[in-house]
Amino acid sequence: MEEPLRIGVLAVQGNFREHAAMLRRLGADVVEVRKPEQLEGLDGLVVPGGESTAITRLMRLYGLDEALRRFQRPVFGTCAGMILLDRDHLGLMDIRVRRNAFGRQVASFEADLDVGHGDEPLRGVFIRAPWVEEAGPDVEVLAAVDGHPVLAREGSILVAAFHPELTDDTRVHELFLNTVRTAAQPPVRASGRGEGVRGNREVPRRTREAARGA
């Protein structure tokens, strides 16, 4: 029987409980991470949304910032977590993120995101949401709103400007877990393109066209 993936959720502030619940629903063994030593033995890590300034301060206080820079496993950042992974913060992904890009709390909204290939739209919950302002050449945009990237990945790093943990749609978390599984396998010669978001199935990778908010 296959061992469950051991996934950490950074639990110093923010929506870590909601991420943990969804990951457990998908069969993962979840560890709430508050100390650097709790990163040991993890297959992947989720950095949740919350207050990016507060999370940054607490990470520095507990020594988690440098520990995350050394972390070699897949990472998934949502909302504030996306900000923390960018060039100006932890530097784990070749992007620059604009904070509160869609507006403040009163401008929070939901939007249907086109994930391609005629699949059912992915409902995104945007709360004081950022967007990707700049992206390096190896960053793949998976979904956008009004031309602004809101779901992207580079190698084993996945980011979302919205809160997939606040809906019943598990596709983004499934995509991350599939990334974790792939990273755990020995490297093989590539025979095709990568994976996108498509329910419980995989689809060929391509840069997604911008999806306008519903």
N, C-alpha and C. Protein backbone atom coordinates (compact mmCIF):
# COMPACT_ATOMS: atom_id res chain seq x y z
N MET A 1 0.83 -1.19 0.00
CA MET A 1 0.00 0.00 0.00
C MET A 1 0.88 1.25 0.00
N GLU A 2 0.54 2.21 -0.83
CA GLU A 2 1.33 3.42 -0.96
C GLU A 2 1.24 4.26 0.31
N GLU A 3 2.43 4.72 0.78
CA GLU A 3 2.47 5.58 1.95
C GLU A 3 1.86 6.94 1.62
N PRO A 4 1.08 7.53 2.53
CA PRO A 4 0.53 8.86 2.27
C PRO A 4 1.64 9.90 2.19
N LEU A 5 1.43 10.90 1.36
CA LEU A 5 2.39 11.99 1.28
C LEU A 5 2.38 12.78 2.59
N ARG A 6 3.55 13.14 3.03
CA ARG A 6 3.69 13.91 4.27
C ARG A 6 3.85 15.39 3.87
N ILE A 7 2.81 16.15 4.08
CA ILE A 7 2.77 17.54 3.61
C ILE A 7 2.70 18.48 4.81
N GLY A 8 3.62 19.42 4.83
CA GLY A 8 3.61 20.43 5.87
C GLY A 8 2.75 21.62 5.47
N VAL A 9 2.14 22.25 6.45
CA VAL A 9 1.42 23.51 6.24
C VAL A 9 2.00 24.52 7.23
N LEU A 10 2.57 25.60 6.70
CA LEU A 10 3.11 26.62 7.58
C LEU A 10 1.99 27.16 8.46
N ALA A 11 2.15 27.07 9.78
CA ALA A 11 1.03 27.32 10.68
C ALA A 11 1.34 28.40 11.71
N VAL A 12 2.00 29.47 11.25
CA VAL A 12 2.28 30.57 12.18
C VAL A 12 1.17 31.62 12.17
N GLN A 13 0.40 31.68 11.06
CA GLN A 13 -0.69 32.66 10.95
C GLN A 13 -1.42 32.36 9.64
N GLY A 14 -2.68 32.77 9.53
CA GLY A 14 -3.40 32.62 8.27
C GLY A 14 -4.26 31.39 8.19
N ASN A 15 -4.61 31.01 6.95
CA ASN A 15 -5.60 29.95 6.70
C ASN A 15 -4.98 28.54 6.70
N PHE A 16 -4.14 28.25 7.64
CA PHE A 16 -3.49 26.94 7.62
C PHE A 16 -4.45 25.81 7.94
N ARG A 17 -5.45 26.04 8.78
CA ARG A 17 -6.38 24.95 9.13
C ARG A 17 -7.19 24.50 7.91
N GLU A 18 -7.60 25.45 7.08
CA GLU A 18 -8.40 25.10 5.90
C GLU A 18 -7.57 24.30 4.90
N HIS A 19 -6.31 24.68 4.73
CA HIS A 19 -5.43 23.89 3.85
C HIS A 19 -5.24 22.49 4.41
N ALA A 20 -4.99 22.41 5.71
CA ALA A 20 -4.77 21.10 6.33
C ALA A 20 -5.98 20.19 6.15
N ALA A 21 -7.18 20.75 6.30
CA ALA A 21 -8.39 19.95 6.15
C ALA A 21 -8.53 19.43 4.73
N MET A 22 -8.24 20.26 3.73
CA MET A 22 -8.37 19.82 2.35
C MET A 22 -7.32 18.77 2.01
N LEU A 23 -6.10 18.95 2.49
CA LEU A 23 -5.05 17.97 2.22
C LEU A 23 -5.36 16.63 2.88
N ARG A 24 -5.91 16.65 4.08
CA ARG A 24 -6.30 15.39 4.74
C ARG A 24 -7.43 14.72 3.96
N ARG A 25 -8.34 15.54 3.44
CA ARG A 25 -9.43 15.01 2.61
C ARG A 25 -8.88 14.26 1.40
N LEU A 26 -7.72 14.70 0.91
CA LEU A 26 -7.09 14.07 -0.26
C LEU A 26 -6.12 12.96 0.14
N GLY A 27 -6.08 12.63 1.42
CA GLY A 27 -5.29 11.48 1.87
C GLY A 27 -3.89 11.79 2.34
N ALA A 28 -3.52 13.06 2.46
CA ALA A 28 -2.18 13.40 2.90
C ALA A 28 -2.03 13.31 4.41
N ASP A 29 -0.82 13.04 4.86
CA ASP A 29 -0.46 13.10 6.27
C ASP A 29 0.04 14.52 6.52
N VAL A 30 -0.71 15.32 7.24
CA VAL A 30 -0.44 16.76 7.36
C VAL A 30 0.31 17.06 8.65
N VAL A 31 1.33 17.91 8.52
CA VAL A 31 2.10 18.39 9.66
C VAL A 31 1.97 19.90 9.72
N GLU A 32 1.52 20.44 10.84
CA GLU A 32 1.47 21.89 11.02
C GLU A 32 2.87 22.36 11.43
N VAL A 33 3.48 23.19 10.60
CA VAL A 33 4.88 23.57 10.76
C VAL A 33 4.98 24.92 11.47
N ARG A 34 5.65 24.93 12.63
CA ARG A 34 5.89 26.16 13.38
C ARG A 34 7.36 26.33 13.74
N LYS A 35 8.16 25.28 13.53
CA LYS A 35 9.58 25.31 13.85
C LYS A 35 10.37 24.74 12.68
N PRO A 36 11.61 25.20 12.47
CA PRO A 36 12.42 24.70 11.35
C PRO A 36 12.57 23.19 11.32
N GLU A 37 12.74 22.58 12.50
CA GLU A 37 12.96 21.13 12.53
C GLU A 37 11.76 20.34 12.03
N GLN A 38 10.57 20.95 12.02
CA GLN A 38 9.38 20.26 11.54
C GLN A 38 9.34 20.14 10.02
N LEU A 39 10.27 20.80 9.33
CA LEU A 39 10.38 20.65 7.88
C LEU A 39 11.06 19.34 7.49
N GLU A 40 11.77 18.74 8.43
CA GLU A 40 12.50 17.51 8.14
C GLU A 40 11.53 16.37 7.82
N GLY A 41 11.82 15.66 6.76
CA GLY A 41 11.01 14.50 6.39
C GLY A 41 9.75 14.82 5.62
N LEU A 42 9.50 16.09 5.32
CA LEU A 42 8.30 16.44 4.56
C LEU A 42 8.50 16.17 3.07
N ASP A 43 7.42 15.82 2.40
CA ASP A 43 7.44 15.65 0.95
C ASP A 43 7.12 16.96 0.22
N GLY A 44 6.46 17.89 0.91
CA GLY A 44 6.10 19.16 0.32
C GLY A 44 5.59 20.09 1.40
N LEU A 45 5.40 21.36 1.03
CA LEU A 45 4.99 22.37 2.01
C LEU A 45 4.01 23.34 1.39
N VAL A 46 2.98 23.71 2.15
CA VAL A 46 2.02 24.75 1.75
C VAL A 46 2.26 25.98 2.61
N VAL A 47 2.37 27.14 1.94
CA VAL A 47 2.48 28.43 2.64
C VAL A 47 1.15 29.14 2.42
N PRO A 48 0.31 29.26 3.43
CA PRO A 48 -1.06 29.73 3.24
C PRO A 48 -1.19 31.24 3.14
N GLY A 49 -2.39 31.67 2.81
CA GLY A 49 -2.71 33.08 2.84
C GLY A 49 -2.87 33.57 4.27
N GLY A 50 -2.83 34.89 4.43
CA GLY A 50 -2.95 35.52 5.73
C GLY A 50 -2.43 36.93 5.61
N GLU A 51 -1.78 37.40 6.64
CA GLU A 51 -1.15 38.72 6.62
C GLU A 51 0.34 38.52 6.31
N SER A 52 0.76 38.90 5.11
CA SER A 52 2.13 38.61 4.70
C SER A 52 3.16 39.25 5.62
N THR A 53 2.88 40.47 6.12
CA THR A 53 3.82 41.13 7.02
C THR A 53 3.95 40.35 8.32
N ALA A 54 2.81 39.90 8.87
CA ALA A 54 2.84 39.14 10.12
C ALA A 54 3.53 37.79 9.93
N ILE A 55 3.22 37.13 8.82
CA ILE A 55 3.85 35.83 8.56
C ILE A 55 5.36 35.99 8.42
N THR A 56 5.80 37.03 7.68
CA THR A 56 7.22 37.28 7.50
C THR A 56 7.92 37.51 8.84
N ARG A 57 7.29 38.33 9.69
CA ARG A 57 7.88 38.62 11.00
C ARG A 57 7.99 37.37 11.86
N LEU A 58 6.94 36.54 11.87
CA LEU A 58 6.96 35.33 12.68
C LEU A 58 7.94 34.29 12.13
N MET A 59 8.02 34.21 10.81
CA MET A 59 8.99 33.29 10.21
C MET A 59 10.41 33.68 10.59
N ARG A 60 10.69 34.98 10.56
CA ARG A 60 12.03 35.45 10.94
C ARG A 60 12.29 35.18 12.42
N LEU A 61 11.27 35.39 13.24
CA LEU A 61 11.41 35.18 14.68
C LEU A 61 11.77 33.73 15.00
N TYR A 62 11.12 32.79 14.28
CA TYR A 62 11.32 31.36 14.56
C TYR A 62 12.42 30.74 13.70
N GLY A 63 13.07 31.52 12.84
CA GLY A 63 14.12 30.97 11.99
C GLY A 63 13.60 30.18 10.80
N LEU A 64 12.31 30.35 10.50
CA LEU A 64 11.72 29.59 9.40
C LEU A 64 12.07 30.16 8.03
N ASP A 65 12.42 31.45 7.97
CA ASP A 65 12.72 32.04 6.66
C ASP A 65 13.93 31.38 6.02
N GLU A 66 15.02 31.27 6.76
CA GLU A 66 16.22 30.63 6.20
C GLU A 66 16.00 29.13 6.00
N ALA A 67 15.22 28.52 6.88
CA ALA A 67 14.93 27.09 6.72
C ALA A 67 14.15 26.84 5.43
N LEU A 68 13.22 27.73 5.10
CA LEU A 68 12.45 27.56 3.85
C LEU A 68 13.32 27.79 2.63
N ARG A 69 14.27 28.71 2.73
CA ARG A 69 15.19 28.93 1.60
C ARG A 69 16.01 27.67 1.31
N ARG A 70 16.26 26.88 2.33
CA ARG A 70 17.03 25.64 2.16
C ARG A 70 16.16 24.44 1.83
N PHE A 71 14.85 24.59 1.94
CA PHE A 71 13.92 23.49 1.74
C PHE A 71 13.93 23.08 0.26
N GLN A 72 14.16 21.82 0.00
CA GLN A 72 14.36 21.35 -1.37
C GLN A 72 13.16 20.61 -1.96
N ARG A 73 12.06 20.61 -1.27
CA ARG A 73 10.89 19.89 -1.75
C ARG A 73 9.89 20.86 -2.38
N PRO A 74 8.84 20.36 -3.07
CA PRO A 74 7.84 21.24 -3.68
C PRO A 74 7.13 22.13 -2.66
N VAL A 75 6.80 23.34 -3.10
CA VAL A 75 6.14 24.32 -2.23
C VAL A 75 4.96 24.91 -2.99
N PHE A 76 3.86 25.13 -2.26
CA PHE A 76 2.64 25.72 -2.81
C PHE A 76 2.29 26.93 -1.95
N GLY A 77 2.26 28.11 -2.56
CA GLY A 77 1.93 29.32 -1.83
C GLY A 77 0.64 29.94 -2.33
N THR A 78 -0.26 30.32 -1.42
CA THR A 78 -1.53 30.95 -1.81
C THR A 78 -1.62 32.34 -1.21
N CYS A 79 -2.05 33.30 -2.03
CA CYS A 79 -2.28 34.69 -1.63
C CYS A 79 -1.03 35.25 -0.94
N ALA A 80 -1.05 35.48 0.36
CA ALA A 80 0.15 35.96 1.04
C ALA A 80 1.32 35.01 0.85
N GLY A 81 1.02 33.70 0.76
CA GLY A 81 2.07 32.72 0.50
C GLY A 81 2.74 32.93 -0.84
N MET A 82 1.97 33.37 -1.84
CA MET A 82 2.53 33.68 -3.15
C MET A 82 3.50 34.85 -3.05
N ILE A 83 3.12 35.86 -2.26
CA ILE A 83 3.99 37.02 -2.05
C ILE A 83 5.31 36.57 -1.42
N LEU A 84 5.24 35.71 -0.42
CA LEU A 84 6.43 35.30 0.32
C LEU A 84 7.41 34.50 -0.54
N LEU A 85 6.93 33.85 -1.59
CA LEU A 85 7.81 33.03 -2.41
C LEU A 85 8.49 33.82 -3.52
N ASP A 86 8.14 35.09 -3.70
CA ASP A 86 8.63 35.83 -4.87
C ASP A 86 10.07 36.31 -4.69
N ARG A 87 10.57 37.01 -5.72
CA ARG A 87 11.96 37.46 -5.75
C ARG A 87 12.31 38.37 -4.58
N ASP A 88 11.36 39.16 -4.14
CA ASP A 88 11.64 40.18 -3.12
C ASP A 88 11.54 39.67 -1.70
N HIS A 89 11.18 38.40 -1.54
CA HIS A 89 11.03 37.85 -0.20
C HIS A 89 11.91 36.60 -0.06
N LEU A 90 11.35 35.41 -0.12
CA LEU A 90 12.17 34.20 0.04
C LEU A 90 12.96 33.86 -1.22
N GLY A 91 12.50 34.36 -2.37
CA GLY A 91 13.23 34.13 -3.62
C GLY A 91 13.16 32.70 -4.13
N LEU A 92 12.09 31.97 -3.80
CA LEU A 92 11.97 30.58 -4.26
C LEU A 92 11.40 30.47 -5.66
N MET A 93 10.81 31.55 -6.18
CA MET A 93 10.21 31.51 -7.52
C MET A 93 10.55 32.81 -8.24
N ASP A 94 10.80 32.70 -9.54
CA ASP A 94 11.24 33.84 -10.34
C ASP A 94 10.05 34.69 -10.77
N ILE A 95 9.40 35.28 -9.79
CA ILE A 95 8.27 36.18 -10.05
C ILE A 95 8.40 37.39 -9.14
N ARG A 96 7.75 38.47 -9.55
CA ARG A 96 7.55 39.62 -8.67
C ARG A 96 6.05 39.81 -8.52
N VAL A 97 5.59 39.92 -7.29
CA VAL A 97 4.17 39.94 -6.98
C VAL A 97 3.75 41.34 -6.53
N ARG A 98 2.60 41.77 -7.02
CA ARG A 98 2.03 43.05 -6.58
C ARG A 98 1.00 42.78 -5.50
N ARG A 99 1.22 43.32 -4.32
CA ARG A 99 0.32 43.12 -3.19
C ARG A 99 -0.98 43.90 -3.39
N ASN A 100 -2.07 43.35 -2.86
CA ASN A 100 -3.39 44.00 -2.92
C ASN A 100 -3.70 44.53 -4.33
N ALA A 101 -3.30 43.76 -5.33
CA ALA A 101 -3.38 44.24 -6.71
C ALA A 101 -4.82 44.48 -7.17
N PHE A 102 -5.75 43.69 -6.68
CA PHE A 102 -7.16 43.83 -7.07
C PHE A 102 -7.92 44.78 -6.15
N GLY A 103 -7.26 45.33 -5.14
CA GLY A 103 -7.92 46.24 -4.21
C GLY A 103 -7.90 45.71 -2.79
N ARG A 104 -8.43 46.51 -1.89
CA ARG A 104 -8.44 46.17 -0.48
C ARG A 104 -9.57 45.18 -0.17
N GLN A 105 -9.85 44.99 1.11
CA GLN A 105 -10.84 44.00 1.55
C GLN A 105 -12.20 44.19 0.89
N VAL A 106 -12.63 45.45 0.75
CA VAL A 106 -13.96 45.71 0.17
C VAL A 106 -14.02 45.35 -1.30
N ALA A 107 -12.86 45.17 -1.93
CA ALA A 107 -12.82 44.82 -3.35
C ALA A 107 -12.66 43.31 -3.55
N SER A 108 -12.78 42.53 -2.49
CA SER A 108 -12.69 41.07 -2.61
C SER A 108 -13.81 40.56 -3.52
N PHE A 109 -13.53 39.48 -4.25
CA PHE A 109 -14.49 38.99 -5.23
C PHE A 109 -14.24 37.52 -5.51
N GLU A 110 -15.16 36.92 -6.27
CA GLU A 110 -14.98 35.56 -6.78
C GLU A 110 -15.01 35.61 -8.29
N ALA A 111 -14.28 34.70 -8.93
CA ALA A 111 -14.21 34.66 -10.39
C ALA A 111 -14.06 33.22 -10.86
N ASP A 112 -14.64 32.93 -12.02
CA ASP A 112 -14.44 31.64 -12.67
C ASP A 112 -13.18 31.72 -13.52
N LEU A 113 -12.25 30.80 -13.29
CA LEU A 113 -10.96 30.80 -13.98
C LEU A 113 -10.94 29.72 -15.05
N ASP A 114 -10.53 30.12 -16.24
CA ASP A 114 -10.40 29.18 -17.35
C ASP A 114 -9.11 28.42 -17.19
N VAL A 115 -9.21 27.11 -17.00
CA VAL A 115 -8.02 26.29 -16.87
C VAL A 115 -7.77 25.48 -18.14
N GLY A 116 -8.50 25.80 -19.21
CA GLY A 116 -8.20 25.24 -20.51
C GLY A 116 -8.88 23.92 -20.84
N HIS A 117 -8.86 23.59 -22.12
CA HIS A 117 -9.33 22.31 -22.64
C HIS A 117 -10.81 22.06 -22.37
N GLY A 118 -11.60 23.13 -22.24
CA GLY A 118 -13.03 22.97 -22.05
C GLY A 118 -13.46 22.44 -20.72
N ASP A 119 -12.53 22.38 -19.76
CA ASP A 119 -12.88 21.89 -18.44
C ASP A 119 -13.79 22.87 -17.71
N GLU A 120 -14.46 22.37 -16.71
CA GLU A 120 -15.29 23.23 -15.87
C GLU A 120 -14.43 24.32 -15.25
N PRO A 121 -14.89 25.58 -15.28
CA PRO A 121 -14.09 26.66 -14.69
C PRO A 121 -13.77 26.40 -13.22
N LEU A 122 -12.65 26.92 -12.81
CA LEU A 122 -12.21 26.82 -11.42
C LEU A 122 -12.64 28.09 -10.70
N ARG A 123 -13.42 27.96 -9.64
CA ARG A 123 -13.90 29.12 -8.92
C ARG A 123 -12.81 29.61 -7.99
N GLY A 124 -12.43 30.88 -8.17
CA GLY A 124 -11.39 31.47 -7.34
C GLY A 124 -11.96 32.48 -6.37
N VAL A 125 -11.56 32.40 -5.11
CA VAL A 125 -11.97 33.36 -4.08
C VAL A 125 -10.78 34.31 -3.86
N PHE A 126 -10.98 35.58 -4.20
CA PHE A 126 -9.90 36.57 -4.14
C PHE A 126 -10.17 37.54 -2.99
N ILE A 127 -9.29 37.54 -1.99
CA ILE A 127 -9.43 38.40 -0.82
C ILE A 127 -8.17 39.25 -0.68
N ARG A 128 -8.31 40.55 -0.95
CA ARG A 128 -7.13 41.44 -0.98
C ARG A 128 -6.02 40.79 -1.79
N ALA A 129 -6.37 40.31 -2.95
CA ALA A 129 -5.51 39.40 -3.68
C ALA A 129 -4.37 40.11 -4.43
N PRO A 130 -3.23 39.45 -4.51
CA PRO A 130 -2.14 39.93 -5.35
C PRO A 130 -2.29 39.39 -6.76
N TRP A 131 -1.40 39.80 -7.64
CA TRP A 131 -1.22 39.12 -8.92
C TRP A 131 0.27 39.10 -9.25
N VAL A 132 0.63 38.31 -10.24
CA VAL A 132 2.02 38.23 -10.68
C VAL A 132 2.29 39.41 -11.60
N GLU A 133 3.16 40.29 -11.16
CA GLU A 133 3.49 41.50 -11.93
C GLU A 133 4.55 41.21 -12.99
N GLU A 134 5.54 40.39 -12.63
CA GLU A 134 6.60 40.01 -13.55
C GLU A 134 6.89 38.52 -13.35
N ALA A 135 7.26 37.85 -14.43
CA ALA A 135 7.58 36.42 -14.34
C ALA A 135 8.76 36.09 -15.23
N GLY A 136 9.63 35.24 -14.72
CA GLY A 136 10.79 34.80 -15.48
C GLY A 136 10.39 33.87 -16.62
N PRO A 137 11.34 33.54 -17.50
CA PRO A 137 11.03 32.75 -18.70
C PRO A 137 10.58 31.32 -18.43
N ASP A 138 10.90 30.79 -17.26
CA ASP A 138 10.53 29.40 -16.95
C ASP A 138 9.23 29.30 -16.16
N VAL A 139 8.59 30.43 -15.93
CA VAL A 139 7.33 30.42 -15.18
C VAL A 139 6.18 30.18 -16.15
N GLU A 140 5.33 29.23 -15.81
CA GLU A 140 4.17 28.89 -16.62
C GLU A 140 2.90 29.45 -15.98
N VAL A 141 2.18 30.24 -16.74
CA VAL A 141 0.92 30.80 -16.25
C VAL A 141 -0.20 29.80 -16.54
N LEU A 142 -0.92 29.40 -15.50
CA LEU A 142 -2.00 28.41 -15.63
C LEU A 142 -3.38 29.05 -15.68
N ALA A 143 -3.53 30.24 -15.12
CA ALA A 143 -4.81 30.95 -15.16
C ALA A 143 -4.54 32.42 -14.88
N ALA A 144 -5.44 33.27 -15.42
CA ALA A 144 -5.28 34.71 -15.26
C ALA A 144 -6.66 35.36 -15.16
N VAL A 145 -6.67 36.56 -14.61
CA VAL A 145 -7.88 37.38 -14.55
C VAL A 145 -7.55 38.72 -15.20
N ASP A 146 -8.28 39.06 -16.23
CA ASP A 146 -8.05 40.31 -16.96
C ASP A 146 -6.59 40.46 -17.37
N GLY A 147 -5.99 39.36 -17.78
CA GLY A 147 -4.61 39.38 -18.25
C GLY A 147 -3.56 39.30 -17.17
N HIS A 148 -3.96 39.27 -15.92
CA HIS A 148 -3.01 39.22 -14.80
C HIS A 148 -2.90 37.79 -14.27
N PRO A 149 -1.72 37.20 -14.28
CA PRO A 149 -1.56 35.82 -13.80
C PRO A 149 -1.94 35.66 -12.34
N VAL A 150 -2.77 34.65 -12.07
CA VAL A 150 -3.21 34.37 -10.69
C VAL A 150 -2.96 32.92 -10.29
N LEU A 151 -2.51 32.09 -11.22
CA LEU A 151 -2.13 30.71 -10.92
C LEU A 151 -0.94 30.39 -11.81
N ALA A 152 0.18 30.02 -11.20
CA ALA A 152 1.39 29.82 -11.98
C ALA A 152 2.30 28.82 -11.28
N ARG A 153 3.26 28.32 -12.04
CA ARG A 153 4.24 27.41 -11.44
C ARG A 153 5.57 27.54 -12.16
N GLU A 154 6.60 27.19 -11.42
CA GLU A 154 7.95 27.11 -11.97
C GLU A 154 8.60 25.89 -11.35
N GLY A 155 8.82 24.88 -12.16
CA GLY A 155 9.35 23.63 -11.62
C GLY A 155 8.41 23.05 -10.60
N SER A 156 8.88 22.86 -9.38
CA SER A 156 8.06 22.25 -8.33
C SER A 156 7.45 23.30 -7.40
N ILE A 157 7.46 24.57 -7.81
CA ILE A 157 6.86 25.63 -7.01
C ILE A 157 5.55 26.06 -7.68
N LEU A 158 4.46 26.03 -6.94
CA LEU A 158 3.14 26.41 -7.43
C LEU A 158 2.63 27.57 -6.59
N VAL A 159 2.02 28.57 -7.25
CA VAL A 159 1.45 29.70 -6.52
C VAL A 159 0.06 30.03 -7.04
N ALA A 160 -0.79 30.51 -6.14
CA ALA A 160 -2.14 30.95 -6.48
C ALA A 160 -2.42 32.25 -5.75
N ALA A 161 -2.99 33.22 -6.46
CA ALA A 161 -3.35 34.50 -5.84
C ALA A 161 -4.64 34.40 -5.06
N PHE A 162 -5.39 33.33 -5.25
CA PHE A 162 -6.69 33.16 -4.63
C PHE A 162 -6.62 32.10 -3.53
N HIS A 163 -7.77 31.71 -3.01
CA HIS A 163 -7.84 30.79 -1.86
C HIS A 163 -8.56 29.50 -2.25
N PRO A 164 -7.88 28.54 -2.84
CA PRO A 164 -8.56 27.28 -3.21
C PRO A 164 -9.03 26.48 -2.01
N GLU A 165 -8.46 26.76 -0.85
CA GLU A 165 -8.86 26.03 0.36
C GLU A 165 -10.22 26.46 0.87
N LEU A 166 -10.77 27.56 0.33
CA LEU A 166 -12.07 28.05 0.80
C LEU A 166 -13.23 27.58 -0.07
N THR A 167 -12.96 26.70 -1.03
CA THR A 167 -14.02 26.12 -1.84
C THR A 167 -13.98 24.60 -1.68
N ASP A 168 -14.94 23.93 -2.31
CA ASP A 168 -14.96 22.46 -2.28
C ASP A 168 -14.21 21.85 -3.45
N ASP A 169 -13.67 22.68 -4.33
CA ASP A 169 -12.95 22.20 -5.51
C ASP A 169 -11.51 21.88 -5.11
N THR A 170 -11.14 20.61 -5.26
CA THR A 170 -9.82 20.16 -4.79
C THR A 170 -8.76 20.16 -5.89
N ARG A 171 -9.09 20.66 -7.08
CA ARG A 171 -8.18 20.47 -8.21
C ARG A 171 -6.81 21.12 -8.04
N VAL A 172 -6.74 22.29 -7.43
CA VAL A 172 -5.44 22.93 -7.28
C VAL A 172 -4.58 22.16 -6.27
N HIS A 173 -5.17 21.72 -5.19
CA HIS A 173 -4.42 20.91 -4.23
C HIS A 173 -4.01 19.57 -4.84
N GLU A 174 -4.87 19.00 -5.67
CA GLU A 174 -4.51 17.76 -6.37
C GLU A 174 -3.31 17.99 -7.28
N LEU A 175 -3.31 19.13 -7.97
CA LEU A 175 -2.18 19.46 -8.83
C LEU A 175 -0.89 19.53 -8.02
N PHE A 176 -0.96 20.16 -6.85
CA PHE A 176 0.23 20.24 -6.01
C PHE A 176 0.68 18.86 -5.55
N LEU A 177 -0.25 18.02 -5.12
CA LEU A 177 0.12 16.68 -4.67
C LEU A 177 0.72 15.87 -5.81
N ASN A 178 0.21 16.04 -7.02
CA ASN A 178 0.81 15.36 -8.17
C ASN A 178 2.23 15.86 -8.43
N THR A 179 2.46 17.16 -8.22
CA THR A 179 3.80 17.72 -8.33
C THR A 179 4.73 17.09 -7.30
N VAL A 180 4.22 16.90 -6.09
CA VAL A 180 5.01 16.27 -5.03
C VAL A 180 5.36 14.84 -5.41
N ARG A 181 4.38 14.12 -5.93
CA ARG A 181 4.65 12.72 -6.34
C ARG A 181 5.69 12.66 -7.44
N THR A 182 5.59 13.55 -8.41
CA THR A 182 6.55 13.57 -9.51
C THR A 182 7.95 13.88 -9.00
N ALA A 183 8.05 14.83 -8.07
CA ALA A 183 9.36 15.21 -7.54
C ALA A 183 10.01 14.08 -6.76
N ALA A 184 9.18 13.19 -6.21
CA ALA A 184 9.71 12.09 -5.41
C ALA A 184 10.20 10.93 -6.26
N GLN A 185 9.87 10.93 -7.55
CA GLN A 185 10.26 9.85 -8.44
C GLN A 185 11.63 10.11 -9.03
N PRO A 186 12.36 9.03 -9.39
CA PRO A 186 13.65 9.23 -10.06
C PRO A 186 13.43 9.94 -11.39
N PRO A 187 14.38 10.81 -11.80
CA PRO A 187 14.21 11.52 -13.06
C PRO A 187 14.19 10.57 -14.25
N VAL A 188 13.30 10.83 -15.20
CA VAL A 188 13.22 10.04 -16.43
C VAL A 188 13.26 11.00 -17.60
N ARG A 189 13.60 10.48 -18.75
CA ARG A 189 13.63 11.30 -19.94
C ARG A 189 12.23 11.75 -20.30
N ALA A 190 12.06 13.02 -20.56
CA ALA A 190 10.74 13.56 -20.88
C ALA A 190 10.24 13.02 -22.20
N SER A 191 8.97 12.61 -22.23
CA SER A 191 8.37 12.10 -23.47
C SER A 191 7.20 12.95 -23.92
N GLY A 192 6.89 13.99 -23.17
CA GLY A 192 5.76 14.84 -23.52
C GLY A 192 5.78 16.09 -22.68
N ARG A 193 4.71 16.82 -22.70
CA ARG A 193 4.64 18.06 -21.96
C ARG A 193 4.08 17.83 -20.56
N GLY A 194 4.05 18.86 -19.75
CA GLY A 194 3.67 18.73 -18.35
C GLY A 194 2.19 18.63 -18.13
N GLU A 195 1.80 18.84 -16.89
CA GLU A 195 0.41 18.68 -16.47
C GLU A 195 -0.24 20.02 -16.21
N GLY A 196 -1.55 20.06 -16.43
CA GLY A 196 -2.33 21.23 -16.06
C GLY A 196 -3.36 20.85 -15.03
N VAL A 197 -4.33 21.71 -14.84
CA VAL A 197 -5.40 21.45 -13.87
C VAL A 197 -6.58 20.87 -14.60
N ARG A 198 -6.99 19.67 -14.23
CA ARG A 198 -8.15 19.07 -14.88
C ARG A 198 -8.79 18.01 -14.01
N GLY A 199 -9.60 18.45 -13.08
CA GLY A 199 -10.30 17.50 -12.21
C GLY A 199 -9.34 16.50 -11.61
N ASN A 200 -9.66 15.22 -11.73
CA ASN A 200 -8.79 14.17 -11.24
C ASN A 200 -7.89 13.63 -12.33
N ARG A 201 -7.88 14.29 -13.49
CA ARG A 201 -7.07 13.83 -14.61
C ARG A 201 -6.02 14.88 -14.92
N GLU A 202 -5.05 14.52 -15.81
CA GLU A 202 -4.01 15.45 -16.20
C GLU A 202 -4.28 15.89 -17.63
N VAL A 203 -3.80 17.08 -17.97
CA VAL A 203 -3.96 17.59 -19.32
C VAL A 203 -2.61 18.12 -19.79
N PRO A 204 -2.40 18.22 -21.10
CA PRO A 204 -1.14 18.78 -21.58
C PRO A 204 -0.95 20.19 -21.07
N ARG A 205 0.29 20.54 -20.80
CA ARG A 205 0.60 21.86 -20.29
C ARG A 205 0.59 22.89 -21.41
N ARG A 206 0.09 24.05 -21.13
CA ARG A 206 0.20 25.17 -22.05
C ARG A 206 -0.03 26.44 -21.26
N THR A 207 0.43 27.52 -21.76
CA THR A 207 0.16 28.79 -21.10
C THR A 207 -1.30 29.12 -21.29
N ARG A 208 -1.99 29.42 -20.19
CA ARG A 208 -3.43 29.65 -20.23
C ARG A 208 -3.74 31.07 -20.71
N GLU A 209 -4.80 31.22 -21.43
CA GLU A 209 -5.28 32.53 -21.83
C GLU A 209 -5.93 33.21 -20.62
N ALA A 210 -5.98 34.49 -20.65
CA ALA A 210 -6.58 35.24 -19.54
C ALA A 210 -8.06 34.93 -19.42
N ALA A 211 -8.48 34.72 -18.17
CA ALA A 211 -9.91 34.48 -17.91
C ALA A 211 -10.49 35.67 -17.18
N ARG A 212 -11.61 36.19 -17.63
CA ARG A 212 -12.20 37.37 -17.00
C ARG A 212 -13.10 36.95 -15.85
N GLY A 213 -13.12 37.77 -14.81
CA GLY A 213 -13.92 37.46 -13.63
C GLY A 213 -15.39 37.40 -13.96
N ALA A 214 -16.10 36.48 -13.25
CA ALA A 214 -17.51 36.32 -13.49
C ALA A 214 -18.28 37.45 -12.84
